[in-house]
Amino acid sequence: MHSPDEVVIALTTLPPDADGEAFVEALLAERLVACGTLLPGARSVYRWEGRIERAGETILLLKTSGARVAPLRERLPALHPYDVPELLILRCDDGFPPYVAWVLGEVATG
């Protein structure tokens, strides 16, 4: 799966009226992420329950470690307003070493 000491990006989306900053702050408080970048103004077109849907969304890029993926996967649905929240874990093959060290330090739990 994911190495505990690798940085990953967890991607999720929120509806445009959700408080994205509060969502990220809750994850920060639990040391599940080191940083969340909010990208408002996204437009999603998708099939849901047999129909084509369209919705405005805010994309969130959540930076964390491989070690925190499982707890994040467990916690995110409880905080998320969607019945089936998007959560994709994107592996980072490389990164600026000081930034990688910062991310890993911010989500360390010991």
PDB file of N, CA and C in Angstrom:
ATOM      1  N   MET A   1       0.837  -1.179   0.000  1.00  0.00           N
ATOM      2  CA  MET A   1       0.000   0.000   0.000  1.00  0.00           C
ATOM      3  C   MET A   1       0.883   1.243   0.000  1.00  0.00           C
ATOM      4  N   HIS A   2       0.812   2.024   1.059  1.00  0.00           N
ATOM      5  CA  HIS A   2       1.604   3.255   1.135  1.00  0.00           C
ATOM      6  C   HIS A   2       2.646   3.120   2.224  1.00  0.00           C
ATOM      7  N   SER A   3       3.835   3.563   1.893  1.00  0.00           N
ATOM      8  CA  SER A   3       4.897   3.582   2.888  1.00  0.00           C
ATOM      9  C   SER A   3       4.552   4.638   3.930  1.00  0.00           C
ATOM     10  N   PRO A   4       4.760   4.349   5.217  1.00  0.00           N
ATOM     11  CA  PRO A   4       4.400   5.318   6.263  1.00  0.00           C
ATOM     12  C   PRO A   4       5.140   6.650   6.131  1.00  0.00           C
ATOM     13  N   ASP A   5       6.351   6.616   5.547  1.00  0.00           N
ATOM     14  CA  ASP A   5       7.155   7.843   5.480  1.00  0.00           C
ATOM     15  C   ASP A   5       7.126   8.490   4.104  1.00  0.00           C
ATOM     16  N   GLU A   6       6.103   8.207   3.307  1.00  0.00           N
ATOM     17  CA  GLU A   6       5.951   8.897   2.030  1.00  0.00           C
ATOM     18  C   GLU A   6       4.857   9.943   2.148  1.00  0.00           C
ATOM     19  N   VAL A   7       4.998  11.004   1.380  1.00  0.00           N
ATOM     20  CA  VAL A   7       3.964  12.033   1.321  1.00  0.00           C
ATOM     21  C   VAL A   7       2.971  11.637   0.238  1.00  0.00           C
ATOM     22  N   VAL A   8       1.691  11.785   0.556  1.00  0.00           N
ATOM     23  CA  VAL A   8       0.623  11.536  -0.400  1.00  0.00           C
ATOM     24  C   VAL A   8      -0.306  12.748  -0.409  1.00  0.00           C
ATOM     25  N   ILE A   9      -1.044  12.864  -1.490  1.00  0.00           N
ATOM     26  CA  ILE A   9      -2.075  13.895  -1.595  1.00  0.00           C
ATOM     27  C   ILE A   9      -3.417  13.185  -1.605  1.00  0.00           C
ATOM     28  N   ALA A  10      -4.263  13.556  -0.674  1.00  0.00           N
ATOM     29  CA  ALA A  10      -5.627  13.053  -0.648  1.00  0.00           C
ATOM     30  C   ALA A  10      -6.498  14.112  -1.309  1.00  0.00           C
ATOM     31  N   LEU A  11      -7.225  13.700  -2.323  1.00  0.00           N
ATOM     32  CA  LEU A  11      -8.081  14.622  -3.059  1.00  0.00           C
ATOM     33  C   LEU A  11      -9.522  14.358  -2.671  1.00  0.00           C
ATOM     34  N   THR A  12     -10.227  15.417  -2.341  1.00  0.00           N
ATOM     35  CA  THR A  12     -11.663  15.319  -2.084  1.00  0.00           C
ATOM     36  C   THR A  12     -12.324  16.572  -2.619  1.00  0.00           C
ATOM     37  N   THR A  13     -13.640  16.574  -2.664  1.00  0.00           N
ATOM     38  CA  THR A  13     -14.400  17.740  -3.089  1.00  0.00           C
ATOM     39  C   THR A  13     -15.481  18.024  -2.060  1.00  0.00           C
ATOM     40  N   LEU A  14     -15.858  19.279  -2.000  1.00  0.00           N
ATOM     41  CA  LEU A  14     -16.955  19.723  -1.135  1.00  0.00           C
ATOM     42  C   LEU A  14     -17.917  20.570  -1.955  1.00  0.00           C
ATOM     43  N   PRO A  15     -19.177  20.643  -1.538  1.00  0.00           N
ATOM     44  CA  PRO A  15     -20.085  21.574  -2.214  1.00  0.00           C
ATOM     45  C   PRO A  15     -19.613  23.004  -1.962  1.00  0.00           C
ATOM     46  N   PRO A  16     -19.924  23.918  -2.877  1.00  0.00           N
ATOM     47  CA  PRO A  16     -19.405  25.287  -2.754  1.00  0.00           C
ATOM     48  C   PRO A  16     -19.880  26.032  -1.510  1.00  0.00           C
ATOM     49  N   ASP A  17     -21.003  25.615  -0.922  1.00  0.00           N
ATOM     50  CA  ASP A  17     -21.501  26.295   0.266  1.00  0.00           C
ATOM     51  C   ASP A  17     -20.951  25.700   1.564  1.00  0.00           C
ATOM     52  N   ALA A  18     -20.159  24.634   1.479  1.00  0.00           N
ATOM     53  CA  ALA A  18     -19.561  24.037   2.683  1.00  0.00           C
ATOM     54  C   ALA A  18     -18.414  24.915   3.169  1.00  0.00           C
ATOM     55  N   ASP A  19     -18.168  24.885   4.453  1.00  0.00           N
ATOM     56  CA  ASP A  19     -17.056  25.638   5.035  1.00  0.00           C
ATOM     57  C   ASP A  19     -15.783  24.799   4.901  1.00  0.00           C
ATOM     58  N   GLY A  20     -15.114  24.940   3.771  1.00  0.00           N
ATOM     59  CA  GLY A  20     -13.919  24.165   3.485  1.00  0.00           C
ATOM     60  C   GLY A  20     -12.794  24.406   4.464  1.00  0.00           C
ATOM     61  N   GLU A  21     -12.649  25.648   4.917  1.00  0.00           N
ATOM     62  CA  GLU A  21     -11.576  25.945   5.878  1.00  0.00           C
ATOM     63  C   GLU A  21     -11.822  25.230   7.199  1.00  0.00           C
ATOM     64  N   ALA A  22     -13.059  25.210   7.668  1.00  0.00           N
ATOM     65  CA  ALA A  22     -13.374  24.499   8.912  1.00  0.00           C
ATOM     66  C   ALA A  22     -13.148  22.997   8.735  1.00  0.00           C
ATOM     67  N   PHE A  23     -13.463  22.472   7.564  1.00  0.00           N
ATOM     68  CA  PHE A  23     -13.250  21.064   7.259  1.00  0.00           C
ATOM     69  C   PHE A  23     -11.765  20.730   7.372  1.00  0.00           C
ATOM     70  N   VAL A  24     -10.926  21.552   6.742  1.00  0.00           N
ATOM     71  CA  VAL A  24      -9.476  21.328   6.802  1.00  0.00           C
ATOM     72  C   VAL A  24      -8.970  21.520   8.227  1.00  0.00           C
ATOM     73  N   GLU A  25      -9.457  22.521   8.928  1.00  0.00           N
ATOM     74  CA  GLU A  25      -9.013  22.761  10.300  1.00  0.00           C
ATOM     75  C   GLU A  25      -9.306  21.566  11.206  1.00  0.00           C
ATOM     76  N   ALA A  26     -10.436  20.913  11.006  1.00  0.00           N
ATOM     77  CA  ALA A  26     -10.753  19.720  11.803  1.00  0.00           C
ATOM     78  C   ALA A  26      -9.731  18.617  11.540  1.00  0.00           C
ATOM     79  N   LEU A  27      -9.348  18.436  10.292  1.00  0.00           N
ATOM     80  CA  LEU A  27      -8.337  17.427   9.946  1.00  0.00           C
ATOM     81  C   LEU A  27      -6.966  17.816  10.471  1.00  0.00           C
ATOM     82  N   LEU A  28      -6.659  19.101  10.446  1.00  0.00           N
ATOM     83  CA  LEU A  28      -5.385  19.591  11.009  1.00  0.00           C
ATOM     84  C   LEU A  28      -5.335  19.336  12.514  1.00  0.00           C
ATOM     85  N   ALA A  29      -6.434  19.617  13.198  1.00  0.00           N
ATOM     86  CA  ALA A  29      -6.480  19.455  14.650  1.00  0.00           C
ATOM     87  C   ALA A  29      -6.219  18.007  15.061  1.00  0.00           C
ATOM     88  N   GLU A  30      -6.637  17.076  14.210  1.00  0.00           N
ATOM     89  CA  GLU A  30      -6.439  15.656  14.503  1.00  0.00           C
ATOM     90  C   GLU A  30      -5.139  15.118  13.904  1.00  0.00           C
ATOM     91  N   ARG A  31      -4.324  16.016  13.348  1.00  0.00           N
ATOM     92  CA  ARG A  31      -3.045  15.658  12.719  1.00  0.00           C
ATOM     93  C   ARG A  31      -3.207  14.614  11.614  1.00  0.00           C
ATOM     94  N   LEU A  32      -4.335  14.673  10.932  1.00  0.00           N
ATOM     95  CA  LEU A  32      -4.568  13.781   9.801  1.00  0.00           C
ATOM     96  C   LEU A  32      -3.989  14.344   8.514  1.00  0.00           C
ATOM     97  N   VAL A  33      -3.821  15.654   8.463  1.00  0.00           N
ATOM     98  CA  VAL A  33      -3.202  16.319   7.317  1.00  0.00           C
ATOM     99  C   VAL A  33      -2.271  17.403   7.833  1.00  0.00           C
ATOM    100  N   ALA A  34      -1.306  17.771   6.992  1.00  0.00           N
ATOM    101  CA  ALA A  34      -0.400  18.877   7.318  1.00  0.00           C
ATOM    102  C   ALA A  34      -0.879  20.172   6.691  1.00  0.00           C
ATOM    103  N   CYS A  35      -1.626  20.056   5.604  1.00  0.00           N
ATOM    104  CA  CYS A  35      -2.048  21.237   4.855  1.00  0.00           C
ATOM    105  C   CYS A  35      -3.223  20.857   3.975  1.00  0.00           C
ATOM    106  N   GLY A  36      -4.114  21.777   3.767  1.00  0.00           N
ATOM    107  CA  GLY A  36      -5.205  21.598   2.813  1.00  0.00           C
ATOM    108  C   GLY A  36      -5.284  22.807   1.913  1.00  0.00           C
ATOM    109  N   THR A  37      -5.287  22.580   0.623  1.00  0.00           N
ATOM    110  CA  THR A  37      -5.409  23.648  -0.358  1.00  0.00           C
ATOM    111  C   THR A  37      -6.804  23.590  -0.955  1.00  0.00           C
ATOM    112  N   LEU A  38      -7.536  24.687  -0.872  1.00  0.00           N
ATOM    113  CA  LEU A  38      -8.903  24.763  -1.374  1.00  0.00           C
ATOM    114  C   LEU A  38      -8.902  25.431  -2.741  1.00  0.00           C
ATOM    115  N   LEU A  39      -9.508  24.759  -3.701  1.00  0.00           N
ATOM    116  CA  LEU A  39      -9.603  25.265  -5.063  1.00  0.00           C
ATOM    117  C   LEU A  39     -11.079  25.427  -5.420  1.00  0.00           C
ATOM    118  N   PRO A  40     -11.677  26.582  -5.088  1.00  0.00           N
ATOM    119  CA  PRO A  40     -13.095  26.783  -5.377  1.00  0.00           C
ATOM    120  C   PRO A  40     -13.327  26.977  -6.870  1.00  0.00           C
ATOM    121  N   GLY A  41     -14.583  26.845  -7.263  1.00  0.00           N
ATOM    122  CA  GLY A  41     -14.963  27.143  -8.641  1.00  0.00           C
ATOM    123  C   GLY A  41     -14.917  25.961  -9.589  1.00  0.00           C
ATOM    124  N   ALA A  42     -14.714  24.750  -9.067  1.00  0.00           N
ATOM    125  CA  ALA A  42     -14.705  23.571  -9.933  1.00  0.00           C
ATOM    126  C   ALA A  42     -16.131  23.246 -10.358  1.00  0.00           C
ATOM    127  N   ARG A  43     -16.247  22.593 -11.479  1.00  0.00           N
ATOM    128  CA  ARG A  43     -17.549  22.158 -11.985  1.00  0.00           C
ATOM    129  C   ARG A  43     -17.433  20.669 -12.289  1.00  0.00           C
ATOM    130  N   SER A  44     -18.290  19.862 -11.688  1.00  0.00           N
ATOM    131  CA  SER A  44     -18.263  18.418 -11.898  1.00  0.00           C
ATOM    132  C   SER A  44     -19.507  17.982 -12.667  1.00  0.00           C
ATOM    133  N   VAL A  45     -19.284  17.068 -13.591  1.00  0.00           N
ATOM    134  CA  VAL A  45     -20.369  16.438 -14.343  1.00  0.00           C
ATOM    135  C   VAL A  45     -20.182  14.947 -14.147  1.00  0.00           C
ATOM    136  N   TYR A  46     -21.219  14.266 -13.632  1.00  0.00           N
ATOM    137  CA  TYR A  46     -21.050  12.872 -13.237  1.00  0.00           C
ATOM    138  C   TYR A  46     -22.388  12.135 -13.306  1.00  0.00           C
ATOM    139  N   ARG A  47     -22.298  10.824 -13.323  1.00  0.00           N
ATOM    140  CA  ARG A  47     -23.505  10.004 -13.293  1.00  0.00           C
ATOM    141  C   ARG A  47     -23.754   9.627 -11.829  1.00  0.00           C
ATOM    142  N   TRP A  48     -24.970   9.850 -11.362  1.00  0.00           N
ATOM    143  CA  TRP A  48     -25.348   9.497 -10.001  1.00  0.00           C
ATOM    144  C   TRP A  48     -26.753   8.921 -10.033  1.00  0.00           C
ATOM    145  N   GLU A  49     -26.881   7.706  -9.551  1.00  0.00           N
ATOM    146  CA  GLU A  49     -28.167   7.018  -9.491  1.00  0.00           C
ATOM    147  C   GLU A  49     -28.883   7.048 -10.838  1.00  0.00           C
ATOM    148  N   GLY A  50     -28.101   6.796 -11.911  1.00  0.00           N
ATOM    149  CA  GLY A  50     -28.670   6.661 -13.244  1.00  0.00           C
ATOM    150  C   GLY A  50     -28.902   7.943 -14.008  1.00  0.00           C
ATOM    151  N   ARG A  51     -28.580   9.087 -13.399  1.00  0.00           N
ATOM    152  CA  ARG A  51     -28.813  10.369 -14.073  1.00  0.00           C
ATOM    153  C   ARG A  51     -27.507  11.128 -14.207  1.00  0.00           C
ATOM    154  N   ILE A  52     -27.419  11.956 -15.227  1.00  0.00           N
ATOM    155  CA  ILE A  52     -26.281  12.863 -15.371  1.00  0.00           C
ATOM    156  C   ILE A  52     -26.540  14.065 -14.471  1.00  0.00           C
ATOM    157  N   GLU A  53     -25.586  14.354 -13.613  1.00  0.00           N
ATOM    158  CA  GLU A  53     -25.699  15.479 -12.676  1.00  0.00           C
ATOM    159  C   GLU A  53     -24.598  16.493 -12.963  1.00  0.00           C
ATOM    160  N   ARG A  54     -24.848  17.708 -12.564  1.00  0.00           N
ATOM    161  CA  ARG A  54     -23.868  18.784 -12.672  1.00  0.00           C
ATOM    162  C   ARG A  54     -23.857  19.523 -11.341  1.00  0.00           C
ATOM    163  N   ALA A  55     -22.655  19.857 -10.874  1.00  0.00           N
ATOM    164  CA  ALA A  55     -22.580  20.538  -9.576  1.00  0.00           C
ATOM    165  C   ALA A  55     -21.315  21.382  -9.497  1.00  0.00           C
ATOM    166  N   GLY A  56     -21.442  22.513  -8.848  1.00  0.00           N
ATOM    167  CA  GLY A  56     -20.274  23.296  -8.486  1.00  0.00           C
ATOM    168  C   GLY A  56     -19.625  22.655  -7.273  1.00  0.00           C
ATOM    169  N   GLU A  57     -18.317  22.695  -7.213  1.00  0.00           N
ATOM    170  CA  GLU A  57     -17.611  22.097  -6.087  1.00  0.00           C
ATOM    171  C   GLU A  57     -16.341  22.875  -5.783  1.00  0.00           C
ATOM    172  N   THR A  58     -15.818  22.622  -4.601  1.00  0.00           N
ATOM    173  CA  THR A  58     -14.490  23.083  -4.209  1.00  0.00           C
ATOM    174  C   THR A  58     -13.614  21.847  -4.109  1.00  0.00           C
ATOM    175  N   ILE A  59     -12.489  21.859  -4.814  1.00  0.00           N
ATOM    176  CA  ILE A  59     -11.536  20.755  -4.735  1.00  0.00           C
ATOM    177  C   ILE A  59     -10.611  21.015  -3.555  1.00  0.00           C
ATOM    178  N   LEU A  60     -10.361  19.984  -2.773  1.00  0.00           N
ATOM    179  CA  LEU A  60      -9.398  20.074  -1.674  1.00  0.00           C
ATOM    180  C   LEU A  60      -8.238  19.131  -1.952  1.00  0.00           C
ATOM    181  N   LEU A  61      -7.027  19.655  -1.870  1.00  0.00           N
ATOM    182  CA  LEU A  61      -5.808  18.866  -1.955  1.00  0.00           C
ATOM    183  C   LEU A  61      -5.243  18.801  -0.550  1.00  0.00           C
ATOM    184  N   LEU A  62      -5.278  17.628   0.040  1.00  0.00           N
ATOM    185  CA  LEU A  62      -4.856  17.437   1.421  1.00  0.00           C
ATOM    186  C   LEU A  62      -3.516  16.721   1.442  1.00  0.00           C
ATOM    187  N   LYS A  63      -2.504  17.356   2.019  1.00  0.00           N
ATOM    188  CA  LYS A  63      -1.170  16.761   2.078  1.00  0.00           C
ATOM    189  C   LYS A  63      -0.994  16.028   3.400  1.00  0.00           C
ATOM    190  N   THR A  64      -0.579  14.750   3.299  1.00  0.00           N
ATOM    191  CA  THR A  64      -0.429  13.920   4.479  1.00  0.00           C
ATOM    192  C   THR A  64       0.632  12.859   4.229  1.00  0.00           C
ATOM    193  N   SER A  65       0.733  11.908   5.135  1.00  0.00           N
ATOM    194  CA  SER A  65       1.708  10.818   4.987  1.00  0.00           C
ATOM    195  C   SER A  65       0.988   9.499   4.725  1.00  0.00           C
ATOM    196  N   GLY A  66       1.730   8.548   4.208  1.00  0.00           N
ATOM    197  CA  GLY A  66       1.174   7.218   4.015  1.00  0.00           C
ATOM    198  C   GLY A  66       0.658   6.625   5.309  1.00  0.00           C
ATOM    199  N   ALA A  67       1.317   6.961   6.414  1.00  0.00           N
ATOM    200  CA  ALA A  67       0.910   6.447   7.723  1.00  0.00           C
ATOM    201  C   ALA A  67      -0.459   6.964   8.152  1.00  0.00           C
ATOM    202  N   ARG A  68      -0.867   8.115   7.634  1.00  0.00           N
ATOM    203  CA  ARG A  68      -2.132   8.718   8.066  1.00  0.00           C
ATOM    204  C   ARG A  68      -3.286   8.452   7.105  1.00  0.00           C
ATOM    205  N   VAL A  69      -3.031   7.690   6.025  1.00  0.00           N
ATOM    206  CA  VAL A  69      -4.087   7.421   5.048  1.00  0.00           C
ATOM    207  C   VAL A  69      -5.244   6.646   5.677  1.00  0.00           C
ATOM    208  N   ALA A  70      -4.963   5.574   6.376  1.00  0.00           N
ATOM    209  CA  ALA A  70      -6.042   4.762   6.961  1.00  0.00           C
ATOM    210  C   ALA A  70      -6.880   5.571   7.952  1.00  0.00           C
ATOM    211  N   PRO A  71      -6.271   6.314   8.899  1.00  0.00           N
ATOM    212  CA  PRO A  71      -7.111   7.111   9.800  1.00  0.00           C
ATOM    213  C   PRO A  71      -7.891   8.215   9.075  1.00  0.00           C
ATOM    214  N   LEU A  72      -7.294   8.786   8.026  1.00  0.00           N
ATOM    215  CA  LEU A  72      -8.002   9.802   7.245  1.00  0.00           C
ATOM    216  C   LEU A  72      -9.186   9.174   6.523  1.00  0.00           C
ATOM    217  N   ARG A  73      -8.994   8.001   5.942  1.00  0.00           N
ATOM    218  CA  ARG A  73     -10.068   7.287   5.238  1.00  0.00           C
ATOM    219  C   ARG A  73     -11.213   6.971   6.199  1.00  0.00           C
ATOM    220  N   GLU A  74     -10.885   6.710   7.443  1.00  0.00           N
ATOM    221  CA  GLU A  74     -11.901   6.400   8.440  1.00  0.00           C
ATOM    222  C   GLU A  74     -12.636   7.665   8.915  1.00  0.00           C
ATOM    223  N   ARG A  75     -11.916   8.764   9.084  1.00  0.00           N
ATOM    224  CA  ARG A  75     -12.488   9.980   9.671  1.00  0.00           C
ATOM    225  C   ARG A  75     -13.231  10.860   8.672  1.00  0.00           C
ATOM    226  N   LEU A  76     -12.715  10.951   7.448  1.00  0.00           N
ATOM    227  CA  LEU A  76     -13.260  11.897   6.473  1.00  0.00           C
ATOM    228  C   LEU A  76     -14.762  11.732   6.243  1.00  0.00           C
ATOM    229  N   PRO A  77     -15.290  10.529   6.086  1.00  0.00           N
ATOM    230  CA  PRO A  77     -16.740  10.417   5.848  1.00  0.00           C
ATOM    231  C   PRO A  77     -17.606  11.001   6.962  1.00  0.00           C
ATOM    232  N   ALA A  78     -17.139  10.954   8.191  1.00  0.00           N
ATOM    233  CA  ALA A  78     -17.922  11.510   9.301  1.00  0.00           C
ATOM    234  C   ALA A  78     -17.994  13.033   9.242  1.00  0.00           C
ATOM    235  N   LEU A  79     -16.983  13.665   8.670  1.00  0.00           N
ATOM    236  CA  LEU A  79     -16.954  15.129   8.566  1.00  0.00           C
ATOM    237  C   LEU A  79     -17.578  15.640   7.275  1.00  0.00           C
ATOM    238  N   HIS A  80     -17.695  14.776   6.297  1.00  0.00           N
ATOM    239  CA  HIS A  80     -18.049  15.181   4.942  1.00  0.00           C
ATOM    240  C   HIS A  80     -19.561  15.254   4.749  1.00  0.00           C
ATOM    241  N   PRO A  81     -20.054  16.255   4.004  1.00  0.00           N
ATOM    242  CA  PRO A  81     -21.501  16.369   3.802  1.00  0.00           C
ATOM    243  C   PRO A  81     -22.074  15.404   2.759  1.00  0.00           C
ATOM    244  N   TYR A  82     -21.250  14.819   1.896  1.00  0.00           N
ATOM    245  CA  TYR A  82     -21.758  13.908   0.866  1.00  0.00           C
ATOM    246  C   TYR A  82     -21.976  12.510   1.437  1.00  0.00           C
ATOM    247  N   ASP A  83     -22.967  11.802   0.912  1.00  0.00           N
ATOM    248  CA  ASP A  83     -23.202  10.410   1.296  1.00  0.00           C
ATOM    249  C   ASP A  83     -22.030   9.526   0.879  1.00  0.00           C
ATOM    250  N   VAL A  84     -21.476   9.800  -0.292  1.00  0.00           N
ATOM    251  CA  VAL A  84     -20.326   9.061  -0.819  1.00  0.00           C
ATOM    252  C   VAL A  84     -19.257  10.079  -1.195  1.00  0.00           C
ATOM    253  N   PRO A  85     -18.424  10.476  -0.224  1.00  0.00           N
ATOM    254  CA  PRO A  85     -17.419  11.493  -0.531  1.00  0.00           C
ATOM    255  C   PRO A  85     -16.317  10.953  -1.429  1.00  0.00           C
ATOM    256  N   GLU A  86     -15.858  11.820  -2.310  1.00  0.00           N
ATOM    257  CA  GLU A  86     -14.685  11.486  -3.111  1.00  0.00           C
ATOM    258  C   GLU A  86     -13.468  11.477  -2.185  1.00  0.00           C
ATOM    259  N   LEU A  87     -12.672  10.443  -2.279  1.00  0.00           N
ATOM    260  CA  LEU A  87     -11.394  10.399  -1.568  1.00  0.00           C
ATOM    261  C   LEU A  87     -10.448   9.559  -2.411  1.00  0.00           C
ATOM    262  N   LEU A  88      -9.527  10.235  -3.052  1.00  0.00           N
ATOM    263  CA  LEU A  88      -8.513   9.585  -3.874  1.00  0.00           C
ATOM    264  C   LEU A  88      -7.153   9.886  -3.274  1.00  0.00           C
ATOM    265  N   ILE A  89      -6.330   8.867  -3.149  1.00  0.00           N
ATOM    266  CA  ILE A  89      -4.988   9.026  -2.588  1.00  0.00           C
ATOM    267  C   ILE A  89      -4.004   8.981  -3.741  1.00  0.00           C
ATOM    268  N   LEU A  90      -3.266  10.071  -3.912  1.00  0.00           N
ATOM    269  CA  LEU A  90      -2.320  10.213  -5.009  1.00  0.00           C
ATOM    270  C   LEU A  90      -0.898  10.145  -4.459  1.00  0.00           C
ATOM    271  N   ARG A  91      -0.143   9.191  -4.944  1.00  0.00           N
ATOM    272  CA  ARG A  91       1.243   9.012  -4.507  1.00  0.00           C
ATOM    273  C   ARG A  91       2.111  10.135  -5.087  1.00  0.00           C
ATOM    274  N   CYS A  92       3.006  10.648  -4.270  1.00  0.00           N
ATOM    275  CA  CYS A  92       3.981  11.645  -4.702  1.00  0.00           C
ATOM    276  C   CYS A  92       5.326  10.943  -4.849  1.00  0.00           C
ATOM    277  N   ASP A  93       5.821  10.857  -6.053  1.00  0.00           N
ATOM    278  CA  ASP A  93       7.074  10.150  -6.289  1.00  0.00           C
ATOM    279  C   ASP A  93       8.295  10.946  -5.858  1.00  0.00           C
ATOM    280  N   ASP A  94       8.150  12.241  -5.751  1.00  0.00           N
ATOM    281  CA  ASP A  94       9.296  13.082  -5.409  1.00  0.00           C
ATOM    282  C   ASP A  94       8.761  14.370  -4.803  1.00  0.00           C
ATOM    283  N   GLY A  95       9.604  15.053  -4.068  1.00  0.00           N
ATOM    284  CA  GLY A  95       9.215  16.327  -3.482  1.00  0.00           C
ATOM    285  C   GLY A  95      10.428  17.054  -2.943  1.00  0.00           C
ATOM    286  N   PHE A  96      10.282  18.331  -2.709  1.00  0.00           N
ATOM    287  CA  PHE A  96      11.353  19.148  -2.138  1.00  0.00           C
ATOM    288  C   PHE A  96      11.606  18.636  -0.720  1.00  0.00           C
ATOM    289  N   PRO A  97      12.799  18.112  -0.423  1.00  0.00           N
ATOM    290  CA  PRO A  97      13.049  17.447   0.860  1.00  0.00           C
ATOM    291  C   PRO A  97      12.624  18.239   2.099  1.00  0.00           C
ATOM    292  N   PRO A  98      12.883  19.555   2.182  1.00  0.00           N
ATOM    293  CA  PRO A  98      12.409  20.268   3.378  1.00  0.00           C
ATOM    294  C   PRO A  98      10.878  20.273   3.506  1.00  0.00           C
ATOM    295  N   TYR A  99      10.182  20.348   2.374  1.00  0.00           N
ATOM    296  CA  TYR A  99       8.721  20.325   2.423  1.00  0.00           C
ATOM    297  C   TYR A  99       8.214  18.945   2.842  1.00  0.00           C
ATOM    298  N   VAL A 100       8.804  17.910   2.274  1.00  0.00           N
ATOM    299  CA  VAL A 100       8.442  16.541   2.643  1.00  0.00           C
ATOM    300  C   VAL A 100       8.647  16.337   4.141  1.00  0.00           C
ATOM    301  N   ALA A 101       9.788  16.794   4.663  1.00  0.00           N
ATOM    302  CA  ALA A 101      10.078  16.653   6.099  1.00  0.00           C
ATOM    303  C   ALA A 101       9.037  17.414   6.931  1.00  0.00           C
ATOM    304  N   TRP A 102       8.632  18.593   6.471  1.00  0.00           N
ATOM    305  CA  TRP A 102       7.629  19.374   7.191  1.00  0.00           C
ATOM    306  C   TRP A 102       6.297  18.629   7.242  1.00  0.00           C
ATOM    307  N   VAL A 103       5.824  18.113   6.083  1.00  0.00           N
ATOM    308  CA  VAL A 103       4.565  17.375   6.042  1.00  0.00           C
ATOM    309  C   VAL A 103       4.627  16.188   7.012  1.00  0.00           C
ATOM    310  N   LEU A 104       5.684  15.413   6.917  1.00  0.00           N
ATOM    311  CA  LEU A 104       5.803  14.226   7.779  1.00  0.00           C
ATOM    312  C   LEU A 104       5.839  14.609   9.256  1.00  0.00           C
ATOM    313  N   GLY A 105       6.508  15.704   9.574  1.00  0.00           N
ATOM    314  CA  GLY A 105       6.560  16.162  10.964  1.00  0.00           C
ATOM    315  C   GLY A 105       5.222  16.630  11.492  1.00  0.00           C
ATOM    316  N   GLU A 106       4.429  17.287  10.627  1.00  0.00           N
ATOM    317  CA  GLU A 106       3.138  17.815  11.053  1.00  0.00           C
ATOM    318  C   GLU A 106       2.101  16.738  11.316  1.00  0.00           C
ATOM    319  N   VAL A 107       2.230  15.604  10.675  1.00  0.00           N
ATOM    320  CA  VAL A 107       1.242  14.540  10.878  1.00  0.00           C
ATOM    321  C   VAL A 107       1.760  13.412  11.772  1.00  0.00           C
ATOM    322  N   ALA A 108       2.978  13.578  12.261  1.00  0.00           N
ATOM    323  CA  ALA A 108       3.536  12.559  13.177  1.00  0.00           C
ATOM    324  C   ALA A 108       2.713  12.519  14.448  1.00  0.00           C
ATOM    325  N   THR A 109       2.513  11.342  14.970  1.00  0.00           N
ATOM    326  CA  THR A 109       1.644  11.195  16.148  1.00  0.00           C
ATOM    327  C   THR A 109       2.377  10.615  17.343  1.00  0.00           C
ATOM    328  N   GLY A 110       3.657  10.699  17.369  1.00  0.00           N
ATOM    329  CA  GLY A 110       4.344  10.080  18.474  1.00  0.00           C
ATOM    330  C   GLY A 110       5.325  10.919  19.087  1.00  0.00           C
TER     331      GLY A 110
END
